[in-house]
Amino acid sequence: MLGSLFLFISLFFIPNSQVQAASISSQKEIILNDKGFSTDELSINVGTKIVFNIGGDNFHWPASNFHPTHGEYPQQGGCIGSKLDACHPMKKGETYSFVFKEPGNWGMHDHLFPGFTTTIEVKEKQSLMKRLITAFMEKLAALKNKGSLTVTDKNDKISIFPSVTEYRKLSYKDRHDLIEKQSKLDPELTWNYLKKVSTVNGKAVENVHEFAHLIGHQLYKKYSFSGMRKCDSLFGFGCFHGVTEAMLLDKGVSNISEIEVECVNFFTGRQNQEESCVHGLGHGLLTWNGLNLNNALKDCDRLSSSHRSFCYEGTFMEYIQELPKLSFDIGDPWKLCVNLGIRYQERCAAMLPDIVRQKTGFDINRIDRICDEAPDSKLHEICVRHVVYQVGRQVRGEKDSIITICKSFGKKSDQDLCIMMGAQLLKLEQFPNWQQASMQMCEELTDVSTQNTCTSKLNQFLEK
């Protein structure tokens, strides 16, 4: 009877590759180069060593999911999270080895190009009979659960996804795996689905920037640069970043002006989208240059002068995201800006408050001192101005909260500048009741002359 069951399972449910008790090597190899990982999935036994061989012209960095904290694989003790982490950019010819001791399905990505992913399935060693029965039960479970997914129909396209309720019950890992799998089948539909399950009233309710990167990569593979048309600015421009990142890998940095032309041509008459496209290019350039900030900014200079500032901004924003992996002297924060070329220092001053916040948490007194330590008055003004941009967005344009923060600055001139910039921010971001609230902020200034300056600048700003 048992023999008949064995034969039934083997013939009708289990692939021949699983029936054959083939010997399994204790070492495997995966190549990671400019096209990604050499395999989407690899199944190994507990105790198997995988050697990651680096190829291609760019730096690469294999690590455990999830980007950028690398904490999914449970063995801790790495440079930031899991031990499964190369912990630095690697060049062609270098290798990284890791012995997998924990059973389970473990996602990995390239930290420098997060759209490159693979999954390592680590199995406990089992007898042939146990493997057959396990596979049989998994097959039955898959058939049983086949109807638990709902159908999403958009623009005459039909695909199978979990409902919004079902999706939000999934773990982060399961959400990641779902988006990765579905984006390879239909990236456009997957982007629409991600927006549906991760937004409320058009606002993001969770951080899925990494998922947007994955979809952007697949949009480029399917549509080339026209995949950019499918993206929008949700989730920190992650979709734009994924497309431009994939295009950089495909065409190389020497063709960056071609990417700029594509941004302009694709978004003619839509300046915000055009700027977002170039901004996304800045993000990609930092990873392309192995997190070397100065080299990435120099590559931005290949663009026309009207677009460089957006590229600089994208590069610095990616730098902030990568801060946990980078050395930064919090005791002398202006050293970062001073060591860059002069043309980059103003953008650096604008991003410095956010860099400090990422390292130490938001402390207005610390940031006030740092702005006061600026090398010159221009950089000092830029530093103060961007504190209110950061704070204003954080408190969602709540007027009284912005005023309270502004009045925490030590110098009255800084307090006034902060309030004036806050009034403009309310309009820029179109926060609720911004027309009345912005004028009320100007009225908060005690000096009549400063009030008039605030009102005049606000009116000029409104006319633009």
Protein backbone atom coordinates (compact mmCIF):
# COMPACT_ATOMS: atom_id res chain seq x y z
CA MET A 1 0.00 0.00 0.00
CA LEU A 2 2.78 2.38 0.99
CA GLY A 3 4.64 1.53 -2.20
CA SER A 4 1.55 2.34 -4.29
CA LEU A 5 1.13 5.69 -2.52
CA PHE A 6 4.81 6.44 -3.14
CA LEU A 7 4.41 5.70 -6.86
CA PHE A 8 1.18 7.74 -7.09
CA ILE A 9 2.75 10.78 -5.50
CA SER A 10 5.88 10.48 -7.61
CA LEU A 11 4.12 10.13 -10.94
CA PHE A 12 1.27 12.59 -10.60
CA PHE A 13 2.33 15.36 -8.23
CA ILE A 14 6.09 15.59 -7.94
CA PRO A 15 8.49 16.68 -10.72
CA ASN A 16 11.14 14.10 -11.62
CA SER A 17 13.84 16.43 -10.35
CA GLN A 18 12.40 16.10 -6.84
CA VAL A 19 12.02 12.31 -7.02
CA GLN A 20 15.64 11.71 -7.93
CA ALA A 21 17.85 11.70 -4.85
CA ALA A 22 20.61 13.63 -6.50
CA SER A 23 23.65 14.52 -4.49
CA ILE A 24 23.66 18.18 -3.44
CA SER A 25 26.87 20.14 -3.38
CA SER A 26 27.78 21.92 -0.14
CA GLN A 27 28.87 24.99 -2.17
CA LYS A 28 27.02 26.96 -4.81
CA GLU A 29 27.91 30.00 -6.91
CA ILE A 30 25.84 33.03 -7.86
CA ILE A 31 27.10 35.77 -10.18
CA LEU A 32 26.08 39.36 -9.48
CA ASN A 33 26.83 41.79 -12.31
CA ASP A 34 25.31 44.69 -14.23
CA LYS A 35 22.38 42.51 -15.33
CA GLY A 36 21.55 41.38 -11.79
CA PHE A 37 21.82 38.04 -10.02
CA SER A 38 22.45 35.02 -12.25
CA THR A 39 19.41 33.24 -10.81
CA ASP A 40 16.04 34.42 -9.49
CA GLU A 41 15.86 31.50 -7.06
CA LEU A 42 18.25 28.93 -5.64
CA SER A 43 17.31 25.96 -3.45
CA ILE A 44 19.99 24.65 -1.08
CA ASN A 45 20.34 22.55 2.06
CA VAL A 46 21.14 23.97 5.49
CA GLY A 47 24.90 24.41 5.81
CA THR A 48 25.51 25.18 2.13
CA LYS A 49 27.97 27.93 1.31
CA ILE A 50 27.08 30.35 -1.49
CA VAL A 51 29.88 32.29 -3.15
CA PHE A 52 28.74 35.54 -4.77
CA ASN A 53 31.08 36.39 -7.66
CA ILE A 54 31.01 40.05 -8.65
CA GLY A 55 31.17 40.98 -12.34
CA GLY A 56 30.37 43.92 -14.60
CA ASP A 57 31.71 47.45 -14.79
CA ASN A 58 29.88 48.74 -11.70
CA PHE A 59 30.18 48.15 -7.99
CA HIS A 60 27.72 45.68 -6.43
CA TRP A 61 26.77 44.81 -2.86
CA PRO A 62 24.87 41.57 -2.05
CA ALA A 63 22.83 41.72 1.16
CA SER A 64 19.79 40.32 2.92
CA ASN A 65 16.41 41.97 2.39
CA PHE A 66 15.01 44.44 3.15
CA HIS A 67 16.58 47.54 1.64
CA PRO A 68 18.21 49.46 3.25
CA THR A 69 18.24 47.87 6.74
CA HIS A 70 19.16 44.29 5.73
CA GLY A 71 17.43 42.71 8.72
CA GLU A 72 15.38 39.82 7.31
CA TYR A 73 17.88 36.95 7.64
CA PRO A 74 17.74 36.09 11.38
CA GLN A 75 21.47 35.70 12.07
CA GLN A 76 22.46 39.09 13.48
CA GLY A 77 25.89 40.65 13.87
CA GLY A 78 26.37 42.35 10.51
CA CYS A 79 27.42 45.95 9.95
CA ILE A 80 23.85 47.22 10.32
CA GLY A 81 21.45 44.29 10.62
CA SER A 82 21.75 40.71 9.45
CA LYS A 83 25.09 38.92 9.12
CA LEU A 84 24.09 38.20 5.51
CA ASP A 85 25.62 41.40 4.18
CA ALA A 86 28.79 42.11 2.21
CA CYS A 87 28.85 45.49 4.00
CA HIS A 88 30.68 47.40 1.26
CA PRO A 89 30.67 48.02 -2.51
CA MET A 90 32.52 45.28 -4.39
CA LYS A 91 34.18 45.42 -7.79
CA LYS A 92 34.60 42.89 -10.57
CA GLY A 93 36.59 39.85 -9.51
CA GLU A 94 35.80 40.14 -5.80
CA THR A 95 33.74 37.51 -3.98
CA TYR A 96 31.53 37.33 -0.92
CA SER A 97 30.78 33.98 0.76
CA PHE A 98 28.09 33.08 3.25
CA VAL A 99 27.06 29.78 4.87
CA PHE A 100 23.27 29.53 5.22
CA LYS A 101 22.41 27.91 8.56
CA GLU A 102 18.78 29.03 8.95
CA PRO A 103 16.03 27.15 7.05
CA GLY A 104 13.49 29.29 5.22
CA ASN A 105 13.08 31.48 2.14
CA TRP A 106 15.49 34.42 2.32
CA GLY A 107 15.30 37.33 -0.09
CA MET A 108 18.45 39.15 -1.15
CA HIS A 109 19.10 42.29 -3.18
CA ASP A 110 21.94 44.43 -4.48
CA HIS A 111 22.19 47.32 -2.03
CA LEU A 112 23.51 49.60 -4.79
CA PHE A 113 20.84 48.53 -7.30
CA PRO A 114 17.84 47.46 -5.17
CA GLY A 115 15.90 46.34 -8.24
CA PHE A 116 18.28 43.36 -8.52
CA THR A 117 16.91 40.55 -6.34
CA THR A 118 17.11 36.82 -5.74
CA THR A 119 15.65 34.33 -3.27
CA ILE A 120 17.56 31.62 -1.43
CA GLU A 121 15.43 28.69 -0.27
CA VAL A 122 17.24 26.91 2.57
CA LYS A 123 15.88 23.43 3.34
CA GLU A 124 16.55 21.11 6.22
CA LYS A 125 17.97 17.79 5.06
CA GLN A 126 15.18 15.22 4.71
CA SER A 127 14.80 11.65 3.64
CA LEU A 128 13.48 11.11 0.13
CA MET A 129 10.09 9.94 1.45
CA LYS A 130 9.75 13.01 3.68
CA ARG A 131 10.60 15.31 0.77
CA LEU A 132 7.98 13.61 -1.40
CA ILE A 133 5.25 13.90 1.21
CA THR A 134 6.12 17.54 1.96
CA ALA A 135 5.98 18.43 -1.74
CA PHE A 136 2.68 16.55 -2.08
CA MET A 137 1.11 18.47 0.82
CA GLU A 138 2.35 21.80 -0.58
CA LYS A 139 0.76 20.95 -3.93
CA LEU A 140 -2.56 20.16 -2.28
CA ALA A 141 -2.42 23.40 -0.24
CA ALA A 142 -1.78 25.41 -3.40
CA LEU A 143 -4.77 23.84 -5.11
CA LYS A 144 -6.95 24.42 -2.03
CA ASN A 145 -5.99 28.10 -1.73
CA LYS A 146 -6.21 28.86 -5.43
CA GLY A 147 -9.55 30.63 -5.02
CA SER A 148 -8.51 32.85 -2.12
CA LEU A 149 -7.22 35.60 -4.40
CA THR A 150 -9.34 38.30 -5.96
CA VAL A 151 -9.26 39.56 -9.55
CA THR A 152 -8.21 43.12 -10.38
CA ASP A 153 -9.47 44.37 -13.73
CA LYS A 154 -8.11 47.73 -15.04
CA ASN A 155 -8.03 49.00 -18.63
CA ASP A 156 -9.23 45.59 -19.90
CA LYS A 157 -6.32 43.86 -18.16
CA ILE A 158 -6.99 41.02 -15.75
CA SER A 159 -4.54 39.74 -13.17
CA ILE A 160 -4.76 37.93 -9.86
CA PHE A 161 -3.88 39.82 -6.68
CA PRO A 162 -4.92 39.60 -3.03
CA SER A 163 -7.68 42.00 -2.06
CA VAL A 164 -6.69 45.17 -0.20
CA THR A 165 -7.75 43.59 3.10
CA GLU A 166 -5.82 40.39 2.40
CA TYR A 167 -2.75 42.32 1.29
CA ARG A 168 -2.60 44.35 4.50
CA LYS A 169 -2.62 41.15 6.53
CA LEU A 170 0.55 39.95 4.80
CA SER A 171 3.97 40.29 6.37
CA TYR A 172 6.43 42.72 4.79
CA LYS A 173 8.34 39.79 3.32
CA ASP A 174 5.20 38.31 1.72
CA ARG A 175 4.25 41.72 0.31
CA HIS A 176 7.75 42.12 -1.10
CA ASP A 177 7.66 38.68 -2.72
CA LEU A 178 4.20 39.32 -4.18
CA ILE A 179 5.18 42.65 -5.76
CA GLU A 180 8.46 41.24 -7.06
CA LYS A 181 6.72 38.27 -8.69
CA GLN A 182 3.77 40.20 -10.14
CA SER A 183 5.91 43.05 -11.48
CA LYS A 184 7.79 40.57 -13.65
CA LEU A 185 4.46 39.45 -15.14
CA ASP A 186 2.83 42.86 -15.56
CA PRO A 187 4.69 45.86 -14.08
CA GLU A 188 2.08 48.44 -15.13
CA LEU A 189 -0.78 46.63 -13.44
CA THR A 190 1.39 45.93 -10.40
CA TRP A 191 2.15 49.66 -10.07
CA ASN A 192 -1.55 50.47 -10.15
CA TYR A 193 -2.18 47.75 -7.58
CA LEU A 194 0.58 49.00 -5.26
CA LYS A 195 -0.92 52.48 -5.33
CA LYS A 196 -4.35 51.05 -4.52
CA VAL A 197 -3.22 49.06 -1.48
CA SER A 198 -0.64 51.53 -0.13
CA THR A 199 -2.49 54.86 -0.32
CA VAL A 200 -5.54 56.47 1.26
CA ASN A 201 -7.02 59.51 -0.48
CA GLY A 202 -3.94 59.72 -2.71
CA LYS A 203 -1.46 59.81 0.22
CA ALA A 204 1.04 57.04 0.97
CA VAL A 205 0.26 55.17 4.21
CA GLU A 206 3.37 53.00 4.28
CA ASN A 207 6.97 53.06 3.06
CA VAL A 208 7.06 50.97 -0.12
CA HIS A 209 9.88 52.87 -1.85
CA GLU A 210 11.75 49.60 -2.36
CA PHE A 211 8.72 47.99 -4.02
CA ALA A 212 8.45 50.97 -6.38
CA HIS A 213 12.12 50.45 -7.34
CA LEU A 214 11.37 46.82 -8.26
CA ILE A 215 8.45 47.84 -10.46
CA GLY A 216 10.51 50.59 -12.13
CA HIS A 217 13.14 48.06 -13.16
CA GLN A 218 10.50 45.84 -14.76
CA LEU A 219 8.82 48.78 -16.49
CA TYR A 220 12.13 49.60 -18.17
CA LYS A 221 12.62 45.98 -19.22
CA LYS A 222 9.16 45.90 -20.80
CA TYR A 223 8.79 49.41 -22.23
CA SER A 224 12.36 50.77 -22.32
CA PHE A 225 12.44 54.43 -21.28
CA SER A 226 8.77 54.88 -22.11
CA GLY A 227 8.14 52.94 -18.90
CA MET A 228 8.72 56.30 -17.23
CA ARG A 229 5.29 57.38 -18.48
CA LYS A 230 3.73 54.78 -16.21
CA CYS A 231 5.34 56.28 -13.07
CA ASP A 232 4.36 59.15 -10.81
CA SER A 233 5.86 60.80 -7.73
CA LEU A 234 4.28 58.52 -5.11
CA PHE A 235 6.48 56.63 -2.66
CA GLY A 236 9.41 59.02 -2.84
CA PHE A 237 9.68 58.87 -6.65
CA GLY A 238 10.70 55.21 -6.32
CA CYS A 239 9.22 54.17 -9.68
CA PHE A 240 11.13 56.94 -11.51
CA HIS A 241 14.28 55.90 -9.68
CA GLY A 242 13.87 52.28 -10.73
CA VAL A 243 13.45 53.15 -14.42
CA THR A 244 16.40 55.56 -14.53
CA GLU A 245 18.53 53.16 -12.51
CA ALA A 246 17.79 50.36 -14.99
CA MET A 247 18.53 52.66 -17.92
CA LEU A 248 21.90 53.63 -16.42
CA LEU A 249 22.77 49.95 -16.12
CA ASP A 250 21.69 49.37 -19.70
CA LYS A 251 23.23 52.39 -21.43
CA GLY A 252 26.00 53.54 -19.08
CA VAL A 253 26.77 56.93 -17.58
CA SER A 254 28.36 58.17 -20.80
CA ASN A 255 24.84 58.35 -22.25
CA ILE A 256 23.41 60.42 -19.41
CA SER A 257 22.59 63.31 -21.76
CA GLU A 258 20.42 60.89 -23.75
CA ILE A 259 18.47 60.11 -20.58
CA GLU A 260 18.01 63.84 -20.00
CA VAL A 261 16.62 64.30 -23.52
CA GLU A 262 14.22 61.43 -22.90
CA CYS A 263 13.03 63.10 -19.68
CA VAL A 264 12.33 66.35 -21.55
CA ASN A 265 10.67 64.73 -24.57
CA PHE A 266 8.48 62.39 -22.56
CA PHE A 267 7.18 65.07 -20.23
CA THR A 268 6.83 68.07 -22.52
CA GLY A 269 4.57 70.61 -20.84
CA ARG A 270 4.69 68.75 -17.53
CA GLN A 271 7.57 70.41 -15.73
CA ASN A 272 7.08 68.62 -12.41
CA GLN A 273 7.30 65.21 -14.08
CA GLU A 274 10.33 66.29 -16.09
CA GLU A 275 12.09 67.45 -12.92
CA SER A 276 11.12 64.24 -11.11
CA CYS A 277 12.66 62.24 -13.92
CA VAL A 278 15.99 64.08 -13.60
CA HIS A 279 15.72 63.89 -9.80
CA GLY A 280 15.41 60.10 -10.09
CA LEU A 281 18.54 60.09 -12.22
CA GLY A 282 20.42 61.65 -9.30
CA HIS A 283 19.37 58.77 -7.05
CA GLY A 284 20.62 56.26 -9.58
CA LEU A 285 23.95 58.04 -10.07
CA LEU A 286 24.92 57.67 -6.42
CA THR A 287 24.45 53.90 -6.51
CA TRP A 288 26.13 53.77 -9.92
CA ASN A 289 29.19 55.44 -8.39
CA GLY A 290 29.38 53.06 -5.45
CA LEU A 291 27.99 55.70 -3.02
CA ASN A 292 30.81 58.12 -3.88
CA LEU A 293 28.96 61.43 -3.46
CA ASN A 294 31.51 63.65 -5.19
CA ASN A 295 31.70 61.46 -8.30
CA ALA A 296 27.90 61.23 -8.52
CA LEU A 297 27.56 65.03 -8.36
CA LYS A 298 30.20 65.40 -11.07
CA ASP A 299 28.15 63.09 -13.28
CA CYS A 300 25.15 65.37 -12.71
CA ASP A 301 27.26 68.11 -14.33
CA ARG A 302 26.97 66.24 -17.63
CA LEU A 303 23.37 67.55 -17.73
CA SER A 304 22.30 70.97 -18.93
CA SER A 305 22.60 73.70 -16.30
CA SER A 306 18.81 74.02 -15.90
CA HIS A 307 18.53 70.41 -14.70
CA ARG A 308 21.62 70.00 -12.55
CA SER A 309 20.06 71.19 -9.29
CA PHE A 310 17.35 68.48 -9.52
CA CYS A 311 20.01 65.86 -10.14
CA TYR A 312 22.05 67.17 -7.17
CA GLU A 313 18.95 66.98 -4.98
CA GLY A 314 18.26 63.37 -5.98
CA THR A 315 21.88 62.44 -5.27
CA PHE A 316 21.81 63.97 -1.79
CA MET A 317 18.44 62.36 -1.01
CA GLU A 318 19.85 58.96 -1.92
CA TYR A 319 22.87 59.76 0.25
CA ILE A 320 20.52 60.39 3.20
CA GLN A 321 18.81 57.05 2.60
CA GLU A 322 22.20 55.32 2.62
CA LEU A 323 23.45 57.10 5.78
CA PRO A 324 23.29 53.98 8.01
CA LYS A 325 26.00 52.48 5.79
CA LEU A 326 28.16 55.61 5.49
CA SER A 327 30.62 57.37 7.75
CA PHE A 328 29.51 60.87 8.72
CA ASP A 329 31.27 63.12 11.24
CA ILE A 330 28.43 64.45 13.37
CA GLY A 331 30.99 66.44 15.34
CA ASP A 332 31.90 68.43 12.23
CA PRO A 333 28.90 68.12 9.86
CA TRP A 334 29.96 71.02 7.60
CA LYS A 335 33.03 69.05 6.59
CA LEU A 336 30.83 67.08 4.21
CA CYS A 337 29.83 70.25 2.33
CA VAL A 338 33.23 71.98 2.47
CA ASN A 339 34.99 68.94 1.00
CA LEU A 340 32.70 69.03 -2.03
CA GLY A 341 33.15 71.36 -4.97
CA ILE A 342 31.90 74.93 -4.47
CA ARG A 343 29.01 74.46 -6.89
CA TYR A 344 27.58 71.66 -4.71
CA GLN A 345 27.83 73.39 -1.35
CA GLU A 346 24.49 75.22 -1.45
CA ARG A 347 22.59 72.03 -2.16
CA CYS A 348 24.58 70.31 0.58
CA ALA A 349 23.62 73.09 3.03
CA ALA A 350 19.97 72.57 2.11
CA MET A 351 20.15 68.85 2.85
CA LEU A 352 22.34 69.10 5.97
CA PRO A 353 19.45 69.53 8.49
CA ASP A 354 17.89 66.31 7.21
CA ILE A 355 21.24 64.51 7.29
CA VAL A 356 21.69 65.52 10.94
CA ARG A 357 18.12 64.51 11.76
CA GLN A 358 18.69 61.08 10.26
CA LYS A 359 21.79 60.61 12.40
CA THR A 360 20.64 62.05 15.74
CA GLY A 361 16.87 62.52 15.59
CA PHE A 362 15.15 65.89 15.36
CA ASP A 363 16.69 68.31 17.88
CA ILE A 364 16.01 71.93 16.94
CA ASN A 365 18.66 73.23 19.34
CA ARG A 366 21.35 71.03 17.76
CA ILE A 367 20.29 72.00 14.24
CA ASP A 368 20.19 75.67 15.25
CA ARG A 369 23.81 75.42 16.42
CA ILE A 370 24.82 73.65 13.22
CA CYS A 371 23.22 76.33 11.03
CA ASP A 372 25.07 78.98 13.09
CA GLU A 373 28.36 77.18 12.36
CA ALA A 374 27.90 77.51 8.58
CA PRO A 375 31.06 78.66 6.76
CA ASP A 376 29.33 81.77 5.37
CA SER A 377 26.08 83.73 5.64
CA LYS A 378 24.62 82.32 2.43
CA LEU A 379 24.98 78.71 3.59
CA HIS A 380 23.62 79.71 7.00
CA GLU A 381 20.47 81.16 5.42
CA ILE A 382 19.97 78.09 3.26
CA CYS A 383 20.36 75.84 6.30
CA VAL A 384 17.69 77.73 8.28
CA ARG A 385 15.33 77.90 5.31
CA HIS A 386 15.38 74.15 4.84
CA VAL A 387 14.79 73.40 8.49
CA VAL A 388 11.28 74.82 8.10
CA TYR A 389 10.72 72.84 4.89
CA GLN A 390 11.58 69.69 6.80
CA VAL A 391 9.52 70.58 9.87
CA GLY A 392 6.55 71.90 7.90
CA ARG A 393 6.13 68.68 5.98
CA GLN A 394 6.59 66.64 9.13
CA VAL A 395 3.71 68.44 10.90
CA ARG A 396 1.61 68.47 7.70
CA GLY A 397 1.46 72.25 7.46
CA GLU A 398 0.05 72.84 10.95
CA LYS A 399 0.64 76.59 11.31
CA ASP A 400 1.05 76.84 15.09
CA SER A 401 3.50 73.93 15.20
CA ILE A 402 5.68 75.56 12.54
CA ILE A 403 5.66 78.90 14.41
CA THR A 404 6.64 77.16 17.68
CA ILE A 405 9.62 75.48 16.00
CA CYS A 406 10.66 78.72 14.30
CA LYS A 407 10.66 80.57 17.61
CA SER A 408 13.08 77.97 18.99
CA PHE A 409 15.90 79.46 16.93
CA GLY A 410 18.30 81.51 19.04
CA LYS A 411 18.55 84.51 16.71
CA LYS A 412 15.52 86.66 15.97
CA SER A 413 16.64 87.03 12.35
CA ASP A 414 16.55 83.23 12.04
CA GLN A 415 13.11 83.10 13.65
CA ASP A 416 11.79 85.64 11.15
CA LEU A 417 13.35 83.88 8.19
CA CYS A 418 11.90 80.56 9.34
CA ILE A 419 8.38 82.02 9.65
CA MET A 420 8.59 83.67 6.21
CA MET A 421 9.74 80.41 4.63
CA GLY A 422 6.97 78.56 6.49
CA ALA A 423 4.35 80.87 5.00
CA GLN A 424 5.63 80.09 1.51
CA LEU A 425 5.77 76.35 2.25
CA LEU A 426 2.04 76.28 3.10
CA LYS A 427 1.28 77.53 -0.39
CA LEU A 428 3.89 75.35 -2.09
CA GLU A 429 2.49 72.15 -0.57
CA GLN A 430 -1.16 73.34 -0.79
CA PHE A 431 -1.82 72.41 2.82
CA PRO A 432 -5.45 72.83 4.03
CA ASN A 433 -6.49 76.47 4.49
CA TRP A 434 -3.09 77.62 3.25
CA GLN A 435 -4.35 81.00 1.94
CA GLN A 436 -5.45 82.22 5.36
CA ALA A 437 -2.79 80.38 7.38
CA SER A 438 0.14 81.75 5.33
CA MET A 439 -1.01 85.36 5.85
CA GLN A 440 -1.48 84.68 9.56
CA MET A 441 2.11 83.49 9.75
CA CYS A 442 3.32 86.80 8.31
CA GLU A 443 1.19 88.64 10.90
CA GLU A 444 2.99 86.68 13.63
CA LEU A 445 6.14 88.73 12.96
CA THR A 446 6.47 91.54 15.51
CA ASP A 447 8.33 94.06 13.36
CA VAL A 448 6.08 95.92 10.89
CA SER A 449 8.82 96.18 8.29
CA THR A 450 9.47 92.41 8.51
CA GLN A 451 5.72 91.77 8.26
CA ASN A 452 5.55 93.81 5.06
CA THR A 453 8.55 91.94 3.64
CA CYS A 454 6.90 88.63 4.45
CA THR A 455 3.59 89.65 2.86
CA SER A 456 5.32 91.06 -0.22
CA LYS A 457 7.43 87.94 -0.76
CA LEU A 458 4.39 85.74 -0.21
CA ASN A 459 2.40 87.67 -2.82
CA GLN A 460 5.31 87.39 -5.27
CA PHE A 461 5.44 83.69 -4.55
CA LEU A 462 1.70 83.35 -5.14
CA GLU A 463 2.01 85.02 -8.54
CA LYS A 464 4.56 82.47 -9.78
